Amino acid sequence: MVSVIAQNPINIERIINDLDWENCGESDVVLAFKDNVVKRDKIETWEGGAVSSFILKNVKVGDCVSDANIIVNKYNKKLLKIGGITLRDLDWSKGVDALSQELEDYFSAFWGKEHRKSIDYDADILDESIVYTNINCEWENTRLNEKSCKGSFYLMHRGNIVVIAIEPK
């Protein structure tokens, strides 16, 4: 991988607001955030013809900074998602519900209050009395979301991580 030292983290708000998500291609993302883009040594591939040739470095979400995958259609290079933004440095002592609410409030500031939330619970493999909470929140194409993109987060209590994705509507 080619090394780039980004001068400043990119606030997720810039990513949400500065791209024309409806007509965005891989080159648009690379040009918009050129100081924070790194070319991968090997292209990552996903089902359905999705690929990632570039990583967006130093994406800032609240107080956390993480990298993201720039995921495009392998045939036309149209942007499918900026995803895999993984938050690990959160204060889990607050509890899962409080963390989820903070994230919901944070993302509702961009996409509106209207969103879908689902919760499921997993028992620990070794000790069934320990239950982990998984929360998925999605902001779709709602009347309150005036942006050209939508987003989601998946909170995984067992792994103490949150994964965020942003996609065109």
Protein backbone atom coordinates (compact mmCIF):
# COMPACT_ATOMS: atom_id res chain seq x y z
CA MET A 1 0.00 0.00 0.00
CA VAL A 2 1.23 3.49 -0.83
CA SER A 3 1.64 5.54 2.32
CA VAL A 4 0.05 8.96 2.62
CA ILE A 5 0.12 11.12 5.70
CA ALA A 6 -3.06 13.14 5.66
CA GLN A 7 -2.67 16.59 7.12
CA ASN A 8 -6.12 16.69 8.66
CA PRO A 9 -8.92 14.26 9.37
CA ILE A 10 -11.96 14.61 7.12
CA ASN A 11 -15.13 15.24 9.09
CA ILE A 12 -17.87 12.83 8.04
CA GLU A 13 -20.09 15.90 7.54
CA ARG A 14 -17.83 16.95 4.62
CA ILE A 15 -18.18 13.54 3.03
CA ILE A 16 -21.97 13.66 3.39
CA ASN A 17 -22.31 17.24 2.12
CA ASP A 18 -19.47 17.74 -0.37
CA LEU A 19 -20.14 14.88 -2.79
CA ASP A 20 -22.82 14.79 -5.46
CA TRP A 21 -23.94 11.34 -4.36
CA GLU A 22 -26.43 10.88 -7.19
CA ASN A 23 -23.76 11.25 -9.90
CA CYS A 24 -20.59 10.38 -8.01
CA GLY A 25 -17.82 8.22 -9.38
CA GLU A 26 -14.62 6.90 -7.88
CA SER A 27 -12.56 9.70 -9.45
CA ASP A 28 -14.86 12.33 -7.88
CA VAL A 29 -14.15 10.97 -4.39
CA VAL A 30 -10.42 10.68 -5.07
CA LEU A 31 -10.24 14.27 -6.34
CA ALA A 32 -12.44 15.70 -3.58
CA PHE A 33 -10.34 14.16 -0.80
CA LYS A 34 -7.00 13.60 -2.57
CA ASP A 35 -4.90 14.33 0.52
CA ASN A 36 -6.64 11.51 2.38
CA VAL A 37 -6.84 8.83 -0.32
CA VAL A 38 -4.50 5.83 -0.48
CA LYS A 39 -4.42 3.32 -3.34
CA ARG A 40 -4.68 -0.30 -2.21
CA ASP A 41 -1.97 -2.80 -3.14
CA LYS A 42 -4.68 -5.27 -4.07
CA ILE A 43 -8.27 -4.53 -5.08
CA GLU A 44 -10.89 -5.70 -2.57
CA THR A 45 -13.92 -7.38 -4.12
CA TRP A 46 -17.46 -7.98 -2.87
CA GLU A 47 -20.46 -9.81 -4.28
CA GLY A 48 -22.42 -8.17 -7.06
CA GLY A 49 -19.50 -6.52 -8.83
CA ALA A 50 -18.44 -4.14 -6.05
CA VAL A 51 -14.75 -3.32 -5.66
CA SER A 52 -12.52 -1.01 -3.64
CA SER A 53 -9.25 0.23 -5.09
CA PHE A 54 -8.84 3.10 -2.63
CA ILE A 55 -9.03 3.78 1.10
CA LEU A 56 -10.22 7.09 2.52
CA LYS A 57 -7.91 7.79 5.47
CA ASN A 58 -8.73 9.64 8.69
CA VAL A 59 -12.51 9.97 8.56
CA LYS A 60 -13.63 11.81 11.70
CA VAL A 61 -16.90 10.81 13.36
CA GLY A 62 -17.41 12.76 16.58
CA ASP A 63 -14.17 12.28 18.51
CA CYS A 64 -13.18 9.08 16.66
CA VAL A 65 -11.01 8.81 13.55
CA SER A 66 -11.10 5.78 11.24
CA ASP A 67 -10.42 4.74 7.66
CA ALA A 68 -13.11 3.91 5.09
CA ASN A 69 -13.47 1.84 1.95
CA ILE A 70 -14.38 3.68 -1.25
CA ILE A 71 -16.61 1.01 -2.82
CA VAL A 72 -17.61 1.31 -6.48
CA ASN A 73 -19.19 -0.73 -9.26
CA LYS A 74 -16.29 -2.54 -10.94
CA TYR A 75 -17.67 -1.93 -14.45
CA ASN A 76 -18.57 1.77 -14.44
CA LYS A 77 -16.71 2.96 -11.27
CA LYS A 78 -19.90 4.60 -9.95
CA LEU A 79 -19.79 5.10 -6.18
CA LEU A 80 -21.83 2.49 -4.30
CA LYS A 81 -20.75 3.26 -0.75
CA ILE A 82 -18.18 4.79 1.53
CA GLY A 83 -18.21 2.14 4.20
CA GLY A 84 -16.43 0.15 6.78
CA ILE A 85 -15.89 3.25 8.92
CA THR A 86 -15.17 1.40 12.16
CA LEU A 87 -15.33 3.13 15.52
CA ARG A 88 -13.49 1.30 18.29
CA ASP A 89 -12.57 4.04 20.75
CA LEU A 90 -15.99 4.61 22.29
CA ASP A 91 -16.86 4.74 25.96
CA TRP A 92 -18.70 1.41 26.32
CA SER A 93 -19.08 1.97 30.07
CA LYS A 94 -22.02 4.27 29.21
CA GLY A 95 -23.96 1.22 28.05
CA VAL A 96 -25.14 0.10 24.64
CA ASP A 97 -28.42 2.04 24.74
CA ALA A 98 -26.69 5.33 25.61
CA LEU A 99 -24.07 4.85 22.86
CA SER A 100 -26.76 4.03 20.34
CA GLN A 101 -28.75 7.11 21.31
CA GLU A 102 -25.67 9.33 20.96
CA LEU A 103 -25.04 7.96 17.47
CA GLU A 104 -28.71 8.28 16.52
CA ASP A 105 -28.71 11.93 17.61
CA TYR A 106 -25.42 12.56 15.79
CA PHE A 107 -26.59 11.10 12.46
CA SER A 108 -30.10 12.53 12.77
CA ALA A 109 -28.46 15.96 12.56
CA PHE A 110 -27.51 15.08 8.95
CA TRP A 111 -30.34 12.85 7.74
CA GLY A 112 -33.29 13.82 9.96
CA LYS A 113 -34.88 12.12 12.95
CA GLU A 114 -36.79 9.55 10.90
CA HIS A 115 -34.90 6.26 10.76
CA ARG A 116 -35.35 2.52 11.18
CA LYS A 117 -33.83 0.83 14.22
CA SER A 118 -33.62 -2.90 14.85
CA ILE A 119 -32.20 -4.63 17.90
CA ASP A 120 -31.22 -8.23 18.39
CA TYR A 121 -29.63 -10.06 21.25
CA ASP A 122 -26.96 -12.79 21.26
CA ALA A 123 -26.15 -15.00 24.23
CA ASP A 124 -22.48 -15.62 24.94
CA ILE A 125 -21.28 -19.00 23.71
CA LEU A 126 -19.70 -19.98 27.04
CA ASP A 127 -22.04 -18.22 29.46
CA GLU A 128 -25.69 -17.88 28.39
CA SER A 129 -26.35 -15.39 31.19
CA ILE A 130 -24.24 -12.83 29.26
CA VAL A 131 -26.29 -11.23 26.50
CA TYR A 132 -24.88 -8.93 23.83
CA THR A 133 -26.94 -6.29 22.05
CA ASN A 134 -26.65 -5.56 18.33
CA ILE A 135 -28.29 -2.40 17.03
CA ASN A 136 -28.75 -1.48 13.39
CA CYS A 137 -29.96 2.03 12.46
CA GLU A 138 -30.69 3.15 8.89
CA TRP A 139 -31.60 6.56 7.51
CA GLU A 140 -33.28 5.98 4.18
CA ASN A 141 -34.86 8.20 1.56
CA THR A 142 -37.38 9.81 3.92
CA ARG A 143 -39.22 13.11 3.75
CA LEU A 144 -36.86 14.47 6.42
CA ASN A 145 -33.66 13.47 4.61
CA GLU A 146 -32.89 16.21 2.10
CA LYS A 147 -29.36 14.94 1.43
CA SER A 148 -28.47 13.02 -1.74
CA CYS A 149 -27.15 10.20 0.44
CA LYS A 150 -28.38 7.90 3.17
CA GLY A 151 -26.49 6.20 5.94
CA SER A 152 -26.44 3.51 8.56
CA PHE A 153 -24.57 2.25 11.57
CA TYR A 154 -24.31 -1.20 13.07
CA LEU A 155 -23.38 -1.37 16.75
CA MET A 156 -21.87 -4.71 17.80
CA HIS A 157 -21.75 -4.99 21.57
CA ARG A 158 -19.80 -8.28 21.58
CA GLY A 159 -16.93 -6.74 19.61
CA ASN A 160 -17.29 -3.22 21.06
CA ILE A 161 -17.31 -1.68 17.60
CA VAL A 162 -19.60 0.41 15.44
CA VAL A 163 -19.47 0.21 11.65
CA ILE A 164 -20.81 3.10 9.56
CA ALA A 165 -21.71 3.31 5.85
CA ILE A 166 -22.83 6.14 3.58
CA GLU A 167 -24.54 5.44 0.24
CA PRO A 168 -26.30 7.31 -2.55
CA LYS A 169 -30.10 7.33 -2.19
